Amino acid sequence: MTLSDRRTQRTWAVDLAPYELAAAPVTQAQYEQVLGERPSTAVGGQLPVESMPWLAAVRFCNALSQREGRTPAYRVEGETAEWEQAADGYRLPTEAEWEHACRAGTTAARYGELDEIAWYRGNSDERIHEVRGKLPNAWGLHDMLGNVWEWCWDFYDPEVYGTYRVLRGGGWFDEPWSCRASVRRRTHPTSRLDDLGFRPARSLI
């Protein structure tokens, strides 16, 4: 898998091990069922959960793993998390895994016509929408583009941006340019944004 960054004009290769990725972003109902709260700005059980920091997404993954009898993928200490890569529990995808899943075997910027696959500024009425409302990609994954950006595991560029984490996918308020498989965005892990959610991954070990 080859990733690229438009800002730095850099490309780099990443090896991928077998993994699986949730078919849609975590909903408010799912988040409440696992963690007992709804941090979101909008209200709706089938809306993507949003407005939670990166570490909250990590804690959700650990809690979901424990509910299913899996080994948690993260060791959390204070505001930091360490990935136990041998664990079979849920975790945030790496950005390479995210892009690989988004493309679903395609090489184009998108896996379909934008209006058919994504909620973005041109068709969202400037609001978030329920998951699975648009066509999935060839691997059955919904909302990989548009609706909410998604937290990934990776640091964006530690030498320049410190602890900022990678976001992928574009959101309901974004222009078409941002809703492309290769677009990388960054934010501080404590950020709570109303167009930022996540979906769990799991290593197949």
N, C-alpha and C. Protein backbone atom coordinates (compact mmCIF):
# COMPACT_ATOMS: atom_id res chain seq x y z
N MET A 1 0.86 -1.19 0.00
CA MET A 1 0.00 0.00 0.00
C MET A 1 0.89 1.23 0.00
N THR A 2 0.63 2.17 -0.91
CA THR A 2 1.40 3.41 -0.97
C THR A 2 0.54 4.59 -0.56
N LEU A 3 1.02 5.35 0.42
CA LEU A 3 0.32 6.55 0.88
C LEU A 3 1.05 7.78 0.37
N SER A 4 0.33 8.90 0.33
CA SER A 4 0.93 10.15 -0.12
C SER A 4 0.39 11.32 0.68
N ASP A 5 1.17 12.38 0.73
CA ASP A 5 0.75 13.60 1.43
C ASP A 5 0.93 14.78 0.51
N ARG A 6 -0.16 15.47 0.23
CA ARG A 6 -0.11 16.59 -0.71
C ARG A 6 0.71 17.76 -0.16
N ARG A 7 0.65 17.96 1.16
CA ARG A 7 1.36 19.09 1.77
C ARG A 7 2.86 18.97 1.59
N THR A 8 3.41 17.78 1.83
CA THR A 8 4.85 17.59 1.76
C THR A 8 5.33 16.97 0.45
N GLN A 9 4.38 16.55 -0.40
CA GLN A 9 4.71 15.86 -1.65
C GLN A 9 5.48 14.57 -1.39
N ARG A 10 5.22 13.95 -0.26
CA ARG A 10 5.93 12.73 0.14
C ARG A 10 5.05 11.51 -0.14
N THR A 11 5.68 10.41 -0.52
CA THR A 11 4.98 9.12 -0.65
C THR A 11 5.76 8.08 0.15
N TRP A 12 5.04 7.09 0.67
CA TRP A 12 5.71 6.03 1.42
C TRP A 12 4.89 4.76 1.36
N ALA A 13 5.60 3.64 1.41
CA ALA A 13 4.96 2.33 1.30
C ALA A 13 4.68 1.76 2.68
N VAL A 14 3.55 1.06 2.81
CA VAL A 14 3.14 0.45 4.07
C VAL A 14 2.69 -0.99 3.79
N ASP A 15 3.22 -1.92 4.56
CA ASP A 15 2.76 -3.31 4.46
C ASP A 15 1.52 -3.50 5.33
N LEU A 16 0.54 -4.21 4.81
CA LEU A 16 -0.71 -4.45 5.54
C LEU A 16 -0.83 -5.92 5.91
N ALA A 17 -1.15 -6.17 7.16
CA ALA A 17 -1.48 -7.52 7.63
C ALA A 17 -3.00 -7.68 7.55
N PRO A 18 -3.52 -8.90 7.57
CA PRO A 18 -4.97 -9.10 7.50
C PRO A 18 -5.70 -8.38 8.64
N TYR A 19 -6.81 -7.75 8.31
CA TYR A 19 -7.61 -7.02 9.29
C TYR A 19 -9.05 -6.95 8.81
N GLU A 20 -9.94 -6.54 9.69
CA GLU A 20 -11.31 -6.25 9.29
C GLU A 20 -11.71 -4.89 9.84
N LEU A 21 -12.68 -4.28 9.19
CA LEU A 21 -13.10 -2.92 9.54
C LEU A 21 -14.62 -2.88 9.60
N ALA A 22 -15.14 -2.15 10.57
CA ALA A 22 -16.59 -2.04 10.72
C ALA A 22 -17.23 -1.47 9.46
N ALA A 23 -18.44 -1.92 9.17
CA ALA A 23 -19.12 -1.54 7.93
C ALA A 23 -19.61 -0.10 7.94
N ALA A 24 -19.68 0.54 9.12
CA ALA A 24 -20.15 1.91 9.22
C ALA A 24 -19.53 2.55 10.45
N PRO A 25 -19.52 3.88 10.52
CA PRO A 25 -19.04 4.53 11.74
C PRO A 25 -19.88 4.11 12.96
N VAL A 26 -19.25 4.15 14.12
CA VAL A 26 -19.97 3.84 15.35
C VAL A 26 -21.11 4.84 15.54
N THR A 27 -22.29 4.34 15.85
CA THR A 27 -23.45 5.21 16.05
C THR A 27 -23.55 5.65 17.51
N GLN A 28 -24.40 6.65 17.73
CA GLN A 28 -24.63 7.11 19.10
C GLN A 28 -25.22 5.99 19.96
N ALA A 29 -26.11 5.19 19.38
CA ALA A 29 -26.71 4.09 20.13
C ALA A 29 -25.66 3.05 20.51
N GLN A 30 -24.77 2.72 19.61
CA GLN A 30 -23.71 1.76 19.91
C GLN A 30 -22.77 2.29 20.98
N TYR A 31 -22.42 3.54 20.87
CA TYR A 31 -21.51 4.16 21.83
C TYR A 31 -22.13 4.17 23.22
N GLU A 32 -23.40 4.52 23.30
CA GLU A 32 -24.09 4.54 24.59
C GLU A 32 -24.20 3.13 25.18
N GLN A 33 -24.45 2.15 24.34
CA GLN A 33 -24.57 0.78 24.81
C GLN A 33 -23.26 0.29 25.44
N VAL A 34 -22.14 0.72 24.89
CA VAL A 34 -20.84 0.26 25.38
C VAL A 34 -20.30 1.12 26.52
N LEU A 35 -20.42 2.44 26.40
CA LEU A 35 -19.82 3.33 27.39
C LEU A 35 -20.84 4.07 28.26
N GLY A 36 -22.13 3.93 27.94
CA GLY A 36 -23.15 4.53 28.79
C GLY A 36 -23.31 6.02 28.67
N GLU A 37 -22.87 6.60 27.56
CA GLU A 37 -23.01 8.05 27.39
C GLU A 37 -23.11 8.39 25.93
N ARG A 38 -23.60 9.60 25.66
CA ARG A 38 -23.68 10.11 24.29
C ARG A 38 -23.06 11.50 24.27
N PRO A 39 -21.82 11.61 23.81
CA PRO A 39 -21.16 12.91 23.82
C PRO A 39 -21.53 13.82 22.65
N SER A 40 -22.35 13.36 21.75
CA SER A 40 -22.56 14.04 20.47
C SER A 40 -23.32 15.36 20.59
N THR A 41 -23.08 16.22 19.60
CA THR A 41 -23.81 17.49 19.49
C THR A 41 -25.20 17.25 18.91
N ALA A 42 -25.29 16.49 17.83
CA ALA A 42 -26.58 16.13 17.25
C ALA A 42 -27.18 14.98 18.08
N VAL A 43 -28.48 14.75 17.91
CA VAL A 43 -29.16 13.71 18.69
C VAL A 43 -29.84 12.73 17.75
N GLY A 44 -29.52 11.45 17.90
CA GLY A 44 -30.14 10.41 17.07
C GLY A 44 -29.37 9.11 17.20
N GLY A 45 -30.06 8.05 17.55
CA GLY A 45 -29.39 6.79 17.80
C GLY A 45 -28.59 6.25 16.64
N GLN A 46 -29.06 6.49 15.40
CA GLN A 46 -28.37 5.96 14.22
C GLN A 46 -27.48 7.00 13.55
N LEU A 47 -27.33 8.16 14.19
CA LEU A 47 -26.35 9.12 13.72
C LEU A 47 -24.96 8.69 14.19
N PRO A 48 -23.92 9.01 13.43
CA PRO A 48 -22.57 8.70 13.91
C PRO A 48 -22.30 9.43 15.23
N VAL A 49 -21.66 8.76 16.16
CA VAL A 49 -21.23 9.45 17.37
C VAL A 49 -20.14 10.45 16.96
N GLU A 50 -20.14 11.61 17.55
CA GLU A 50 -19.15 12.64 17.23
C GLU A 50 -18.87 13.47 18.48
N SER A 51 -17.99 14.43 18.35
CA SER A 51 -17.62 15.33 19.45
C SER A 51 -16.97 14.59 20.61
N MET A 52 -16.22 13.54 20.33
CA MET A 52 -15.45 12.89 21.38
C MET A 52 -13.98 12.86 20.97
N PRO A 53 -13.06 13.01 21.94
CA PRO A 53 -11.64 13.03 21.63
C PRO A 53 -11.12 11.67 21.20
N TRP A 54 -9.90 11.66 20.72
CA TRP A 54 -9.26 10.45 20.23
C TRP A 54 -9.22 9.37 21.31
N LEU A 55 -8.88 9.76 22.54
CA LEU A 55 -8.75 8.77 23.61
C LEU A 55 -10.09 8.13 23.95
N ALA A 56 -11.19 8.86 23.76
CA ALA A 56 -12.51 8.27 23.99
C ALA A 56 -12.79 7.17 22.98
N ALA A 57 -12.35 7.36 21.75
CA ALA A 57 -12.51 6.32 20.73
C ALA A 57 -11.67 5.10 21.10
N VAL A 58 -10.47 5.33 21.62
CA VAL A 58 -9.63 4.23 22.09
C VAL A 58 -10.31 3.47 23.23
N ARG A 59 -10.87 4.19 24.18
CA ARG A 59 -11.53 3.54 25.32
C ARG A 59 -12.76 2.76 24.87
N PHE A 60 -13.48 3.26 23.87
CA PHE A 60 -14.60 2.51 23.32
C PHE A 60 -14.12 1.18 22.76
N CYS A 61 -13.03 1.21 22.00
CA CYS A 61 -12.51 -0.02 21.41
C CYS A 61 -12.16 -1.03 22.49
N ASN A 62 -11.51 -0.59 23.56
CA ASN A 62 -11.17 -1.50 24.66
C ASN A 62 -12.41 -2.05 25.34
N ALA A 63 -13.39 -1.19 25.57
CA ALA A 63 -14.61 -1.63 26.24
C ALA A 63 -15.38 -2.63 25.38
N LEU A 64 -15.43 -2.39 24.07
CA LEU A 64 -16.10 -3.33 23.17
C LEU A 64 -15.37 -4.67 23.15
N SER A 65 -14.06 -4.63 23.17
CA SER A 65 -13.29 -5.87 23.22
C SER A 65 -13.63 -6.67 24.48
N GLN A 66 -13.70 -6.00 25.61
CA GLN A 66 -13.99 -6.68 26.87
C GLN A 66 -15.40 -7.27 26.87
N ARG A 67 -16.35 -6.57 26.28
CA ARG A 67 -17.73 -7.07 26.18
C ARG A 67 -17.78 -8.38 25.40
N GLU A 68 -16.92 -8.50 24.41
CA GLU A 68 -16.93 -9.69 23.55
C GLU A 68 -15.90 -10.74 23.96
N GLY A 69 -15.24 -10.52 25.10
CA GLY A 69 -14.28 -11.49 25.58
C GLY A 69 -12.97 -11.50 24.82
N ARG A 70 -12.65 -10.39 24.19
CA ARG A 70 -11.39 -10.29 23.45
C ARG A 70 -10.35 -9.55 24.29
N THR A 71 -9.11 -9.72 23.91
CA THR A 71 -8.02 -9.03 24.60
C THR A 71 -7.96 -7.58 24.13
N PRO A 72 -8.09 -6.59 25.03
CA PRO A 72 -8.03 -5.19 24.60
C PRO A 72 -6.75 -4.89 23.84
N ALA A 73 -6.89 -4.09 22.81
CA ALA A 73 -5.75 -3.76 21.95
C ALA A 73 -4.88 -2.65 22.52
N TYR A 74 -5.40 -1.92 23.52
CA TYR A 74 -4.65 -0.77 24.03
C TYR A 74 -4.37 -0.87 25.51
N ARG A 75 -3.18 -0.42 25.90
CA ARG A 75 -2.87 -0.19 27.30
C ARG A 75 -2.89 1.32 27.50
N VAL A 76 -3.86 1.79 28.27
CA VAL A 76 -4.08 3.22 28.44
C VAL A 76 -3.52 3.66 29.78
N GLU A 77 -2.69 4.69 29.75
CA GLU A 77 -2.15 5.28 30.97
C GLU A 77 -2.28 6.80 30.85
N GLY A 78 -3.18 7.36 31.67
CA GLY A 78 -3.41 8.79 31.60
C GLY A 78 -3.96 9.20 30.25
N GLU A 79 -3.25 10.06 29.56
CA GLU A 79 -3.69 10.55 28.26
C GLU A 79 -2.97 9.87 27.11
N THR A 80 -2.29 8.77 27.38
CA THR A 80 -1.57 8.06 26.33
C THR A 80 -2.09 6.64 26.18
N ALA A 81 -1.88 6.07 25.02
CA ALA A 81 -2.30 4.70 24.75
C ALA A 81 -1.20 3.99 23.97
N GLU A 82 -0.96 2.76 24.34
CA GLU A 82 0.02 1.93 23.64
C GLU A 82 -0.71 0.75 23.01
N TRP A 83 -0.43 0.50 21.75
CA TRP A 83 -1.11 -0.54 20.98
C TRP A 83 -0.42 -1.88 21.21
N GLU A 84 -1.15 -2.83 21.74
CA GLU A 84 -0.66 -4.20 21.90
C GLU A 84 -1.00 -4.96 20.62
N GLN A 85 -0.07 -5.04 19.71
CA GLN A 85 -0.37 -5.51 18.36
C GLN A 85 -0.70 -7.00 18.28
N ALA A 86 -0.39 -7.75 19.33
CA ALA A 86 -0.72 -9.17 19.33
C ALA A 86 -2.14 -9.44 19.82
N ALA A 87 -2.84 -8.39 20.28
CA ALA A 87 -4.18 -8.56 20.83
C ALA A 87 -5.20 -8.77 19.73
N ASP A 88 -6.28 -9.49 20.06
CA ASP A 88 -7.35 -9.73 19.08
C ASP A 88 -8.53 -8.77 19.26
N GLY A 89 -8.35 -7.76 20.08
CA GLY A 89 -9.44 -6.82 20.36
C GLY A 89 -9.57 -5.73 19.31
N TYR A 90 -10.59 -4.90 19.51
CA TYR A 90 -10.87 -3.81 18.57
C TYR A 90 -9.93 -2.64 18.79
N ARG A 91 -9.72 -1.89 17.73
CA ARG A 91 -8.79 -0.76 17.75
C ARG A 91 -9.15 0.21 16.65
N LEU A 92 -8.50 1.35 16.63
CA LEU A 92 -8.65 2.28 15.52
C LEU A 92 -7.82 1.79 14.34
N PRO A 93 -8.29 1.97 13.14
CA PRO A 93 -7.49 1.55 11.98
C PRO A 93 -6.27 2.45 11.81
N THR A 94 -5.22 1.89 11.24
CA THR A 94 -4.14 2.76 10.76
C THR A 94 -4.67 3.49 9.54
N GLU A 95 -4.01 4.58 9.17
CA GLU A 95 -4.51 5.29 7.99
C GLU A 95 -4.31 4.47 6.73
N ALA A 96 -3.29 3.62 6.70
CA ALA A 96 -3.11 2.75 5.53
C ALA A 96 -4.25 1.75 5.43
N GLU A 97 -4.65 1.17 6.55
CA GLU A 97 -5.79 0.27 6.55
C GLU A 97 -7.04 1.00 6.12
N TRP A 98 -7.21 2.22 6.64
CA TRP A 98 -8.41 3.00 6.30
C TRP A 98 -8.47 3.24 4.80
N GLU A 99 -7.37 3.72 4.21
CA GLU A 99 -7.39 4.03 2.78
C GLU A 99 -7.56 2.78 1.93
N HIS A 100 -6.91 1.71 2.32
CA HIS A 100 -7.06 0.44 1.61
C HIS A 100 -8.52 0.00 1.61
N ALA A 101 -9.19 0.11 2.77
CA ALA A 101 -10.59 -0.28 2.87
C ALA A 101 -11.49 0.67 2.09
N CYS A 102 -11.18 1.95 2.13
CA CYS A 102 -11.98 2.94 1.40
C CYS A 102 -11.93 2.67 -0.10
N ARG A 103 -10.77 2.42 -0.62
CA ARG A 103 -10.61 2.21 -2.06
C ARG A 103 -11.26 0.90 -2.51
N ALA A 104 -11.25 -0.10 -1.66
CA ALA A 104 -11.90 -1.39 -1.97
C ALA A 104 -11.49 -1.92 -3.34
N GLY A 105 -10.21 -1.88 -3.59
CA GLY A 105 -9.69 -2.42 -4.84
C GLY A 105 -9.69 -1.47 -6.02
N THR A 106 -10.17 -0.26 -5.83
CA THR A 106 -10.18 0.73 -6.90
C THR A 106 -8.95 1.62 -6.81
N THR A 107 -8.70 2.39 -7.86
CA THR A 107 -7.56 3.31 -7.86
C THR A 107 -8.00 4.75 -8.03
N ALA A 108 -9.29 4.99 -8.23
CA ALA A 108 -9.79 6.35 -8.41
C ALA A 108 -9.85 7.10 -7.07
N ALA A 109 -10.10 8.39 -7.13
CA ALA A 109 -10.18 9.20 -5.92
C ALA A 109 -11.37 8.80 -5.05
N ARG A 110 -12.42 8.26 -5.69
CA ARG A 110 -13.62 7.84 -4.97
C ARG A 110 -14.10 6.51 -5.53
N TYR A 111 -14.87 5.79 -4.74
CA TYR A 111 -15.37 4.48 -5.16
C TYR A 111 -16.73 4.56 -5.84
N GLY A 112 -17.17 5.77 -6.18
CA GLY A 112 -18.44 5.97 -6.88
C GLY A 112 -18.71 7.45 -7.07
N GLU A 113 -19.87 7.76 -7.63
CA GLU A 113 -20.27 9.17 -7.77
C GLU A 113 -20.50 9.76 -6.38
N LEU A 114 -19.97 10.94 -6.14
CA LEU A 114 -19.97 11.51 -4.79
C LEU A 114 -21.37 11.62 -4.20
N ASP A 115 -22.34 12.09 -4.97
CA ASP A 115 -23.69 12.27 -4.43
C ASP A 115 -24.33 10.94 -4.06
N GLU A 116 -23.88 9.86 -4.65
CA GLU A 116 -24.46 8.55 -4.37
C GLU A 116 -23.81 7.85 -3.18
N ILE A 117 -22.59 8.25 -2.83
CA ILE A 117 -21.86 7.52 -1.79
C ILE A 117 -21.60 8.33 -0.53
N ALA A 118 -21.80 9.66 -0.57
CA ALA A 118 -21.35 10.48 0.55
C ALA A 118 -22.28 11.65 0.86
N TRP A 119 -22.36 11.98 2.14
CA TRP A 119 -22.98 13.23 2.59
C TRP A 119 -21.86 14.26 2.72
N TYR A 120 -21.97 15.34 1.95
CA TYR A 120 -20.96 16.41 1.99
C TYR A 120 -21.71 17.73 1.85
N ARG A 121 -20.99 18.83 1.76
CA ARG A 121 -21.63 20.14 1.79
C ARG A 121 -22.67 20.32 0.68
N GLY A 122 -22.44 19.67 -0.46
CA GLY A 122 -23.34 19.85 -1.59
C GLY A 122 -24.69 19.16 -1.45
N ASN A 123 -24.84 18.19 -0.52
CA ASN A 123 -26.13 17.49 -0.42
C ASN A 123 -26.60 17.22 1.01
N SER A 124 -25.83 17.66 2.00
CA SER A 124 -26.13 17.30 3.39
C SER A 124 -27.09 18.24 4.10
N ASP A 125 -27.46 19.37 3.46
CA ASP A 125 -28.21 20.42 4.15
C ASP A 125 -27.46 20.90 5.39
N GLU A 126 -26.15 20.77 5.34
CA GLU A 126 -25.23 21.21 6.41
C GLU A 126 -25.59 20.59 7.76
N ARG A 127 -25.81 19.27 7.73
CA ARG A 127 -26.07 18.54 8.96
C ARG A 127 -25.62 17.09 8.79
N ILE A 128 -25.41 16.44 9.92
CA ILE A 128 -25.02 15.04 9.92
C ILE A 128 -26.21 14.16 9.57
N HIS A 129 -25.94 12.97 9.04
CA HIS A 129 -27.00 12.04 8.63
C HIS A 129 -26.78 10.66 9.23
N GLU A 130 -27.85 9.88 9.29
CA GLU A 130 -27.75 8.51 9.80
C GLU A 130 -26.80 7.70 8.94
N VAL A 131 -26.14 6.73 9.58
CA VAL A 131 -25.19 5.89 8.84
C VAL A 131 -25.93 5.01 7.85
N ARG A 132 -25.22 4.53 6.85
CA ARG A 132 -25.73 3.62 5.83
C ARG A 132 -26.79 4.25 4.93
N GLY A 133 -26.82 5.57 4.85
CA GLY A 133 -27.81 6.23 4.02
C GLY A 133 -27.38 6.39 2.57
N LYS A 134 -26.14 6.10 2.29
CA LYS A 134 -25.60 6.18 0.93
C LYS A 134 -25.06 4.82 0.51
N LEU A 135 -24.77 4.68 -0.77
CA LEU A 135 -24.30 3.40 -1.28
C LEU A 135 -22.95 3.03 -0.69
N PRO A 136 -22.74 1.75 -0.39
CA PRO A 136 -21.43 1.30 0.12
C PRO A 136 -20.43 1.13 -1.01
N ASN A 137 -19.18 0.91 -0.62
CA ASN A 137 -18.18 0.57 -1.64
C ASN A 137 -18.27 -0.92 -1.98
N ALA A 138 -17.37 -1.39 -2.81
CA ALA A 138 -17.45 -2.77 -3.29
C ALA A 138 -17.27 -3.80 -2.18
N TRP A 139 -16.72 -3.39 -1.05
CA TRP A 139 -16.53 -4.30 0.08
C TRP A 139 -17.63 -4.15 1.13
N GLY A 140 -18.69 -3.42 0.80
CA GLY A 140 -19.82 -3.29 1.71
C GLY A 140 -19.64 -2.29 2.83
N LEU A 141 -18.70 -1.38 2.69
CA LEU A 141 -18.43 -0.38 3.73
C LEU A 141 -19.14 0.92 3.39
N HIS A 142 -19.94 1.41 4.32
CA HIS A 142 -20.70 2.64 4.14
C HIS A 142 -19.98 3.85 4.74
N ASP A 143 -20.26 5.02 4.17
CA ASP A 143 -19.81 6.31 4.74
C ASP A 143 -18.29 6.39 4.89
N MET A 144 -17.56 5.70 4.03
CA MET A 144 -16.11 5.85 4.08
C MET A 144 -15.72 7.27 3.66
N LEU A 145 -16.53 7.87 2.82
CA LEU A 145 -16.34 9.28 2.46
C LEU A 145 -17.56 10.06 2.91
N GLY A 146 -17.34 11.26 3.43
CA GLY A 146 -18.44 12.11 3.85
C GLY A 146 -19.04 11.72 5.19
N ASN A 147 -20.02 12.48 5.60
CA ASN A 147 -20.76 12.35 6.87
C ASN A 147 -19.88 12.73 8.06
N VAL A 148 -18.91 11.89 8.46
CA VAL A 148 -17.96 12.31 9.50
C VAL A 148 -16.55 11.91 9.10
N TRP A 149 -15.59 12.77 9.45
CA TRP A 149 -14.20 12.37 9.41
C TRP A 149 -14.02 11.23 10.41
N GLU A 150 -12.96 10.46 10.28
CA GLU A 150 -12.75 9.32 11.17
C GLU A 150 -11.34 9.35 11.77
N TRP A 151 -11.30 9.21 13.10
CA TRP A 151 -10.02 9.09 13.80
C TRP A 151 -9.26 7.85 13.30
N CYS A 152 -7.95 8.00 13.10
CA CYS A 152 -7.07 6.86 12.84
C CYS A 152 -6.04 6.77 13.96
N TRP A 153 -5.31 5.69 13.99
CA TRP A 153 -4.30 5.48 15.02
C TRP A 153 -3.10 6.40 14.85
N ASP A 154 -2.70 6.69 13.63
CA ASP A 154 -1.41 7.30 13.34
C ASP A 154 -1.26 8.74 13.80
N PHE A 155 -0.01 9.08 14.14
CA PHE A 155 0.37 10.48 14.26
C PHE A 155 0.44 11.06 12.85
N TYR A 156 0.11 12.35 12.71
CA TYR A 156 0.11 12.97 11.39
C TYR A 156 1.54 13.26 10.92
N ASP A 157 2.29 14.00 11.70
CA ASP A 157 3.69 14.34 11.39
C ASP A 157 4.32 14.79 12.69
N PRO A 158 4.82 13.85 13.51
CA PRO A 158 5.29 14.19 14.85
C PRO A 158 6.34 15.30 14.90
N GLU A 159 7.23 15.34 13.90
CA GLU A 159 8.28 16.35 13.93
C GLU A 159 7.74 17.76 13.80
N VAL A 160 6.61 17.90 13.11
CA VAL A 160 6.04 19.22 12.87
C VAL A 160 4.83 19.49 13.77
N TYR A 161 3.97 18.48 13.92
CA TYR A 161 2.70 18.68 14.61
C TYR A 161 2.58 17.92 15.94
N GLY A 162 3.66 17.35 16.41
CA GLY A 162 3.63 16.70 17.71
C GLY A 162 2.65 15.54 17.78
N THR A 163 1.71 15.63 18.72
CA THR A 163 0.79 14.51 18.98
C THR A 163 -0.47 14.52 18.10
N TYR A 164 -0.55 15.43 17.14
CA TYR A 164 -1.74 15.47 16.28
C TYR A 164 -1.93 14.11 15.58
N ARG A 165 -3.19 13.66 15.55
CA ARG A 165 -3.53 12.37 14.93
C ARG A 165 -4.16 12.58 13.55
N VAL A 166 -4.13 11.53 12.75
CA VAL A 166 -4.65 11.56 11.39
C VAL A 166 -6.17 11.40 11.40
N LEU A 167 -6.84 12.17 10.56
CA LEU A 167 -8.27 12.01 10.26
C LEU A 167 -8.39 11.65 8.79
N ARG A 168 -9.40 10.85 8.47
CA ARG A 168 -9.63 10.46 7.08
C ARG A 168 -11.12 10.53 6.74
N GLY A 169 -11.43 10.76 5.45
CA GLY A 169 -12.76 10.54 4.93
C GLY A 169 -13.61 11.73 4.55
N GLY A 170 -13.37 12.90 5.13
CA GLY A 170 -14.24 14.02 4.83
C GLY A 170 -15.52 13.97 5.64
N GLY A 171 -16.19 15.12 5.75
CA GLY A 171 -17.40 15.20 6.57
C GLY A 171 -18.55 15.91 5.88
N TRP A 172 -19.64 16.03 6.62
CA TRP A 172 -20.88 16.59 6.06
C TRP A 172 -20.77 18.05 5.66
N PHE A 173 -19.77 18.77 6.16
CA PHE A 173 -19.64 20.19 5.83
C PHE A 173 -18.49 20.45 4.86
N ASP A 174 -17.91 19.41 4.31
CA ASP A 174 -16.73 19.57 3.46
C ASP A 174 -17.07 19.67 1.98
N GLU A 175 -16.20 20.37 1.27
CA GLU A 175 -16.30 20.46 -0.18
C GLU A 175 -15.86 19.13 -0.80
N PRO A 176 -16.22 18.89 -2.06
CA PRO A 176 -15.86 17.63 -2.71
C PRO A 176 -14.38 17.28 -2.64
N TRP A 177 -13.50 18.28 -2.69
CA TRP A 177 -12.07 17.99 -2.70
C TRP A 177 -11.66 17.16 -1.48
N SER A 178 -12.28 17.41 -0.33
CA SER A 178 -11.89 16.72 0.90
C SER A 178 -12.43 15.30 0.97
N CYS A 179 -13.42 14.99 0.17
CA CYS A 179 -14.04 13.66 0.21
C CYS A 179 -13.42 12.76 -0.84
N ARG A 180 -12.15 12.44 -0.62
CA ARG A 180 -11.39 11.57 -1.52
C ARG A 180 -10.58 10.59 -0.68
N ALA A 181 -10.30 9.44 -1.26
CA ALA A 181 -9.65 8.37 -0.50
C ALA A 181 -8.28 8.75 0.03
N SER A 182 -7.56 9.62 -0.67
CA SER A 182 -6.18 9.91 -0.29
C SER A 182 -6.02 11.11 0.64
N VAL A 183 -7.09 11.85 0.90
CA VAL A 183 -6.96 13.09 1.66
C VAL A 183 -6.65 12.82 3.13
N ARG A 184 -5.62 13.48 3.63
CA ARG A 184 -5.21 13.39 5.04
C ARG A 184 -5.51 14.72 5.72
N ARG A 185 -6.03 14.64 6.92
CA ARG A 185 -6.25 15.82 7.74
C ARG A 185 -5.73 15.52 9.14
N ARG A 186 -5.53 16.53 9.95
CA ARG A 186 -4.96 16.35 11.27
C ARG A 186 -5.73 17.18 12.30
N THR A 187 -5.70 16.73 13.54
CA THR A 187 -6.20 17.55 14.64
C THR A 187 -5.60 17.03 15.94
N HIS A 188 -5.64 17.87 16.97
CA HIS A 188 -5.12 17.47 18.27
C HIS A 188 -6.00 16.37 18.85
N PRO A 189 -5.43 15.39 19.54
CA PRO A 189 -6.24 14.28 20.04
C PRO A 189 -7.30 14.67 21.06
N THR A 190 -7.22 15.86 21.63
CA THR A 190 -8.26 16.30 22.57
C THR A 190 -9.42 17.01 21.87
N SER A 191 -9.34 17.17 20.56
CA SER A 191 -10.38 17.90 19.82
C SER A 191 -11.73 17.19 19.90
N ARG A 192 -12.79 17.99 20.01
CA ARG A 192 -14.16 17.48 19.99
C ARG A 192 -14.89 18.22 18.87
N LEU A 193 -15.02 17.56 17.73
CA LEU A 193 -15.57 18.20 16.54
C LEU A 193 -16.88 17.54 16.14
N ASP A 194 -17.84 18.35 15.68
CA ASP A 194 -19.17 17.80 15.37
C ASP A 194 -19.23 17.11 14.02
N ASP A 195 -18.09 16.97 13.35
CA ASP A 195 -18.03 16.20 12.10
C ASP A 195 -16.91 15.17 12.16
N LEU A 196 -16.63 14.66 13.36
CA LEU A 196 -15.52 13.72 13.56
C LEU A 196 -15.98 12.52 14.38
N GLY A 197 -15.93 11.34 13.78
CA GLY A 197 -16.30 10.10 14.45
C GLY A 197 -15.22 9.06 14.28
N PHE A 198 -15.60 7.78 14.25
CA PHE A 198 -14.62 6.71 14.08
C PHE A 198 -15.34 5.40 13.79
N ARG A 199 -14.58 4.41 13.35
CA ARG A 199 -15.08 3.04 13.21
C ARG A 199 -13.96 2.10 13.64
N PRO A 200 -14.30 1.01 14.34
CA PRO A 200 -13.28 0.09 14.83
C PRO A 200 -12.72 -0.82 13.74
N ALA A 201 -11.50 -1.23 13.95
CA ALA A 201 -10.86 -2.27 13.15
C ALA A 201 -10.45 -3.40 14.09
N ARG A 202 -10.01 -4.50 13.50
CA ARG A 202 -9.52 -5.62 14.31
C ARG A 202 -8.53 -6.43 13.48
N SER A 203 -7.38 -6.72 14.09
CA SER A 203 -6.40 -7.55 13.41
C SER A 203 -6.90 -9.00 13.35
N LEU A 204 -6.67 -9.65 12.24
CA LEU A 204 -7.03 -11.05 12.09
C LEU A 204 -5.78 -11.88 12.33
N ILE A 205 -5.63 -12.33 13.56
CA ILE A 205 -4.40 -12.99 13.96
C ILE A 205 -4.67 -14.45 14.36
